[in-house]
């Protein structure tokens, strides 16, 4: 699961044609952290997931499970309960890391 999320994280970056440093800057993290996620040394943290939704409108269901579209569409209701549920599911999968 962790490596799948990391692959989708990299897929997002390349979809936007961003360098690791440019992607990192938009997410408020360091380039080395992006690199570590992409090679599955680090997890995609809850903070980063929140930033992906905020900055890129990323569908967390897609990021965590691979299901659905990469992005929320304008017609989607992005409910806070749904986002919290997805984040909690992922947190449990990665062993409760913050």
N, C-alpha and C. Protein backbone atom coordinates (compact mmCIF):
# COMPACT_ATOMS: atom_id res chain seq x y z
N UNK A 1 0.82 -1.20 0.00
CA UNK A 1 0.00 0.00 0.00
C UNK A 1 0.87 1.26 0.00
N UNK A 2 1.89 1.30 0.90
CA UNK A 2 2.74 2.48 0.98
C UNK A 2 3.39 2.79 -0.36
N UNK A 3 3.94 1.75 -1.00
CA UNK A 3 4.63 2.00 -2.26
C UNK A 3 3.66 2.44 -3.35
N UNK A 4 2.41 1.96 -3.30
CA UNK A 4 1.40 2.39 -4.28
C UNK A 4 1.08 3.87 -4.11
N UNK A 5 0.94 4.31 -2.87
CA UNK A 5 0.67 5.72 -2.60
C UNK A 5 1.86 6.56 -3.06
N UNK A 6 3.05 6.08 -2.82
CA UNK A 6 4.25 6.81 -3.24
C UNK A 6 4.33 6.90 -4.76
N UNK A 7 3.95 5.85 -5.46
CA UNK A 7 3.93 5.87 -6.93
C UNK A 7 2.92 6.90 -7.43
N UNK A 8 1.75 6.94 -6.80
CA UNK A 8 0.74 7.92 -7.22
C UNK A 8 1.18 9.35 -6.90
N UNK A 9 1.92 9.51 -5.81
CA UNK A 9 2.48 10.82 -5.46
C UNK A 9 3.40 11.30 -6.59
N UNK A 10 4.28 10.42 -7.05
CA UNK A 10 5.18 10.77 -8.15
C UNK A 10 4.38 11.00 -9.43
N UNK A 11 3.37 10.20 -9.65
CA UNK A 11 2.52 10.38 -10.84
C UNK A 11 1.91 11.78 -10.86
N UNK A 12 1.50 12.27 -9.70
CA UNK A 12 0.96 13.63 -9.61
C UNK A 12 1.99 14.67 -10.02
N UNK A 13 3.18 14.52 -9.47
CA UNK A 13 4.24 15.49 -9.77
C UNK A 13 4.54 15.52 -11.26
N UNK A 14 4.67 14.34 -11.86
CA UNK A 14 5.00 14.29 -13.28
C UNK A 14 3.82 14.73 -14.14
N UNK A 15 2.60 14.50 -13.67
CA UNK A 15 1.40 14.96 -14.40
C UNK A 15 1.46 16.48 -14.59
N UNK A 16 1.89 17.18 -13.55
CA UNK A 16 1.97 18.63 -13.62
C UNK A 16 3.29 19.13 -14.20
N UNK A 17 4.20 18.21 -14.54
CA UNK A 17 5.47 18.60 -15.13
C UNK A 17 6.36 19.36 -14.16
N UNK A 18 6.18 19.10 -12.88
CA UNK A 18 6.95 19.79 -11.85
C UNK A 18 8.26 19.07 -11.56
N UNK A 19 9.29 19.84 -11.28
CA UNK A 19 10.51 19.27 -10.74
C UNK A 19 10.23 18.90 -9.29
N UNK A 20 11.10 18.09 -8.71
CA UNK A 20 10.92 17.76 -7.29
C UNK A 20 10.96 19.02 -6.43
N UNK A 21 11.87 19.93 -6.75
CA UNK A 21 11.98 21.15 -5.94
C UNK A 21 10.77 22.06 -6.10
N UNK A 22 10.24 22.17 -7.31
CA UNK A 22 9.05 22.98 -7.54
C UNK A 22 7.82 22.41 -6.84
N UNK A 23 7.68 21.09 -6.91
CA UNK A 23 6.57 20.40 -6.25
C UNK A 23 6.69 20.57 -4.74
N UNK A 24 7.90 20.40 -4.23
CA UNK A 24 8.16 20.54 -2.79
C UNK A 24 7.79 21.94 -2.31
N UNK A 25 8.18 22.94 -3.08
CA UNK A 25 7.90 24.32 -2.68
C UNK A 25 6.39 24.56 -2.56
N UNK A 26 5.64 24.07 -3.52
CA UNK A 26 4.18 24.25 -3.50
C UNK A 26 3.53 23.51 -2.33
N UNK A 27 4.16 22.42 -1.90
CA UNK A 27 3.61 21.64 -0.78
C UNK A 27 4.17 22.07 0.57
N UNK A 28 5.15 22.96 0.56
CA UNK A 28 5.74 23.44 1.81
C UNK A 28 6.66 22.44 2.47
N UNK A 29 7.33 21.63 1.65
CA UNK A 29 8.29 20.65 2.17
C UNK A 29 9.60 20.80 1.40
N UNK A 30 10.61 20.04 1.80
CA UNK A 30 11.91 20.10 1.14
C UNK A 30 11.97 19.11 -0.03
N UNK A 31 12.82 19.42 -1.01
CA UNK A 31 12.99 18.56 -2.18
C UNK A 31 13.40 17.15 -1.78
N UNK A 32 14.25 17.03 -0.79
CA UNK A 32 14.70 15.72 -0.34
C UNK A 32 13.56 14.86 0.20
N UNK A 33 12.56 15.52 0.77
CA UNK A 33 11.39 14.79 1.27
C UNK A 33 10.58 14.23 0.10
N UNK A 34 10.44 15.03 -0.95
CA UNK A 34 9.74 14.55 -2.16
C UNK A 34 10.47 13.34 -2.71
N UNK A 35 11.78 13.44 -2.82
CA UNK A 35 12.58 12.33 -3.33
C UNK A 35 12.39 11.08 -2.47
N UNK A 36 12.43 11.24 -1.15
CA UNK A 36 12.29 10.11 -0.24
C UNK A 36 10.91 9.46 -0.35
N UNK A 37 9.89 10.26 -0.59
CA UNK A 37 8.54 9.70 -0.79
C UNK A 37 8.50 8.91 -2.09
N UNK A 38 9.06 9.48 -3.14
CA UNK A 38 8.99 8.84 -4.45
C UNK A 38 9.71 7.50 -4.50
N UNK A 39 10.71 7.30 -3.65
CA UNK A 39 11.38 5.99 -3.61
C UNK A 39 10.89 5.15 -2.42
N UNK A 40 9.80 5.60 -1.82
CA UNK A 40 9.10 4.89 -0.74
C UNK A 40 9.94 4.74 0.53
N UNK A 41 10.84 5.69 0.76
CA UNK A 41 11.57 5.71 2.04
C UNK A 41 10.76 6.45 3.09
N UNK A 42 9.95 7.41 2.66
CA UNK A 42 9.06 8.16 3.56
C UNK A 42 7.63 7.94 3.11
N UNK A 43 6.72 8.11 4.06
CA UNK A 43 5.29 8.05 3.75
C UNK A 43 4.79 9.41 3.29
N UNK A 44 3.66 9.40 2.63
CA UNK A 44 2.95 10.64 2.33
C UNK A 44 2.19 10.97 3.61
N UNK A 45 2.60 12.02 4.29
CA UNK A 45 2.02 12.36 5.59
C UNK A 45 0.62 12.97 5.44
N UNK A 46 -0.08 13.03 6.55
CA UNK A 46 -1.39 13.66 6.57
C UNK A 46 -1.26 15.12 6.13
N UNK A 47 -0.24 15.80 6.61
CA UNK A 47 -0.01 17.20 6.21
C UNK A 47 0.11 17.31 4.69
N UNK A 48 0.90 16.43 4.08
CA UNK A 48 1.10 16.48 2.63
C UNK A 48 -0.21 16.17 1.91
N UNK A 49 -0.96 15.21 2.42
CA UNK A 49 -2.26 14.92 1.80
C UNK A 49 -3.17 16.15 1.84
N UNK A 50 -3.19 16.82 2.96
CA UNK A 50 -4.01 18.04 3.07
C UNK A 50 -3.56 19.07 2.05
N UNK A 51 -2.24 19.24 1.89
CA UNK A 51 -1.72 20.19 0.92
C UNK A 51 -2.05 19.78 -0.51
N UNK A 52 -2.02 18.48 -0.80
CA UNK A 52 -2.37 18.01 -2.14
C UNK A 52 -3.82 18.34 -2.48
N UNK A 53 -4.70 18.23 -1.50
CA UNK A 53 -6.10 18.60 -1.72
C UNK A 53 -6.20 20.10 -1.91
N UNK A 54 -5.55 20.85 -1.04
CA UNK A 54 -5.63 22.32 -1.08
C UNK A 54 -5.04 22.90 -2.36
N UNK A 55 -3.86 22.44 -2.73
CA UNK A 55 -3.13 23.04 -3.86
C UNK A 55 -3.56 22.46 -5.20
N UNK A 56 -3.76 21.14 -5.25
CA UNK A 56 -3.99 20.47 -6.54
C UNK A 56 -5.37 19.83 -6.68
N UNK A 57 -6.21 19.91 -5.63
CA UNK A 57 -7.55 19.32 -5.68
C UNK A 57 -7.50 17.80 -5.88
N UNK A 58 -6.50 17.16 -5.29
CA UNK A 58 -6.30 15.72 -5.44
C UNK A 58 -7.39 14.95 -4.70
N UNK A 59 -7.91 13.94 -5.36
CA UNK A 59 -8.90 13.03 -4.78
C UNK A 59 -8.16 12.06 -3.86
N UNK A 60 -8.39 12.15 -2.57
CA UNK A 60 -7.67 11.30 -1.62
C UNK A 60 -8.01 9.83 -1.79
N UNK A 61 -9.22 9.53 -2.24
CA UNK A 61 -9.58 8.14 -2.50
C UNK A 61 -8.65 7.57 -3.57
N UNK A 62 -8.40 8.35 -4.62
CA UNK A 62 -7.47 7.92 -5.66
C UNK A 62 -6.05 7.78 -5.10
N UNK A 63 -5.60 8.77 -4.34
CA UNK A 63 -4.24 8.74 -3.82
C UNK A 63 -4.00 7.52 -2.93
N UNK A 64 -4.95 7.23 -2.06
CA UNK A 64 -4.78 6.15 -1.08
C UNK A 64 -5.06 4.78 -1.67
N UNK A 65 -6.12 4.69 -2.48
CA UNK A 65 -6.54 3.36 -2.96
C UNK A 65 -6.35 3.12 -4.45
N UNK A 66 -6.20 4.21 -5.21
CA UNK A 66 -6.12 4.07 -6.66
C UNK A 66 -7.48 4.07 -7.32
N UNK A 67 -8.55 4.19 -6.53
CA UNK A 67 -9.91 4.18 -7.07
C UNK A 67 -10.38 5.60 -7.35
N UNK A 68 -11.18 5.72 -8.40
CA UNK A 68 -11.73 7.03 -8.74
C UNK A 68 -10.77 7.82 -9.61
N UNK A 69 -11.14 9.07 -9.83
CA UNK A 69 -10.31 9.93 -10.67
C UNK A 69 -9.23 10.59 -9.83
N UNK A 70 -8.21 11.08 -10.49
CA UNK A 70 -7.08 11.70 -9.81
C UNK A 70 -7.49 12.96 -9.05
N UNK A 71 -8.47 13.67 -9.57
CA UNK A 71 -8.87 14.95 -8.98
C UNK A 71 -10.35 14.95 -8.67
N UNK A 72 -10.71 15.73 -7.66
CA UNK A 72 -12.12 15.98 -7.39
C UNK A 72 -12.64 16.83 -8.54
N UNK A 73 -13.83 16.53 -9.02
CA UNK A 73 -14.44 17.37 -10.05
C UNK A 73 -15.27 18.44 -9.37
N UNK A 74 -15.64 19.46 -10.14
CA UNK A 74 -16.40 20.57 -9.57
C UNK A 74 -17.72 20.11 -8.96
N UNK A 75 -18.29 19.04 -9.51
CA UNK A 75 -19.56 18.54 -9.01
C UNK A 75 -19.45 17.68 -7.77
N UNK A 76 -18.24 17.28 -7.43
CA UNK A 76 -18.04 16.43 -6.25
C UNK A 76 -18.27 17.22 -4.98
N UNK A 77 -18.89 16.58 -4.03
CA UNK A 77 -19.01 17.15 -2.70
C UNK A 77 -17.85 16.61 -1.87
N UNK A 78 -16.90 17.45 -1.61
CA UNK A 78 -15.76 17.03 -0.81
C UNK A 78 -16.13 17.26 0.65
N UNK A 79 -16.68 16.24 1.25
CA UNK A 79 -17.11 16.37 2.63
C UNK A 79 -15.94 16.18 3.59
N UNK A 80 -15.94 16.96 4.62
CA UNK A 80 -14.91 16.85 5.62
C UNK A 80 -14.88 15.45 6.22
N UNK A 81 -16.04 14.86 6.44
CA UNK A 81 -16.09 13.51 6.99
C UNK A 81 -15.39 12.51 6.08
N UNK A 82 -15.57 12.65 4.76
CA UNK A 82 -14.92 11.75 3.81
C UNK A 82 -13.40 11.92 3.85
N UNK A 83 -12.95 13.15 3.89
CA UNK A 83 -11.51 13.41 3.93
C UNK A 83 -10.92 12.84 5.21
N UNK A 84 -11.58 13.07 6.34
CA UNK A 84 -11.08 12.55 7.62
C UNK A 84 -11.04 11.03 7.59
N UNK A 85 -12.07 10.40 7.04
CA UNK A 85 -12.10 8.94 6.95
C UNK A 85 -10.93 8.43 6.12
N UNK A 86 -10.67 9.02 4.96
CA UNK A 86 -9.57 8.60 4.11
C UNK A 86 -8.22 8.78 4.81
N UNK A 87 -8.06 9.90 5.48
CA UNK A 87 -6.81 10.14 6.19
C UNK A 87 -6.61 9.14 7.32
N UNK A 88 -7.67 8.84 8.04
CA UNK A 88 -7.57 7.86 9.14
C UNK A 88 -7.25 6.47 8.60
N UNK A 89 -7.88 6.09 7.49
CA UNK A 89 -7.60 4.78 6.89
C UNK A 89 -6.13 4.68 6.50
N UNK A 90 -5.60 5.73 5.90
CA UNK A 90 -4.20 5.73 5.48
C UNK A 90 -3.29 5.71 6.70
N UNK A 91 -3.62 6.51 7.70
CA UNK A 91 -2.83 6.55 8.92
C UNK A 91 -2.74 5.15 9.54
N UNK A 92 -3.82 4.43 9.56
CA UNK A 92 -3.82 3.07 10.10
C UNK A 92 -2.98 2.14 9.24
N UNK A 93 -3.02 2.32 7.93
CA UNK A 93 -2.24 1.47 7.02
C UNK A 93 -0.74 1.65 7.20
N UNK A 94 -0.32 2.88 7.49
CA UNK A 94 1.12 3.14 7.60
C UNK A 94 1.60 3.03 9.04
N UNK A 95 0.74 2.58 9.91
CA UNK A 95 1.16 2.32 11.27
C UNK A 95 1.04 3.52 12.20
N UNK A 96 0.14 4.43 11.89
CA UNK A 96 -0.13 5.53 12.80
C UNK A 96 0.85 6.67 12.76
N UNK A 97 1.70 6.74 11.75
CA UNK A 97 2.64 7.87 11.64
C UNK A 97 1.89 9.16 11.44
N UNK A 98 2.49 10.23 11.90
CA UNK A 98 1.89 11.55 11.73
C UNK A 98 2.59 12.31 10.64
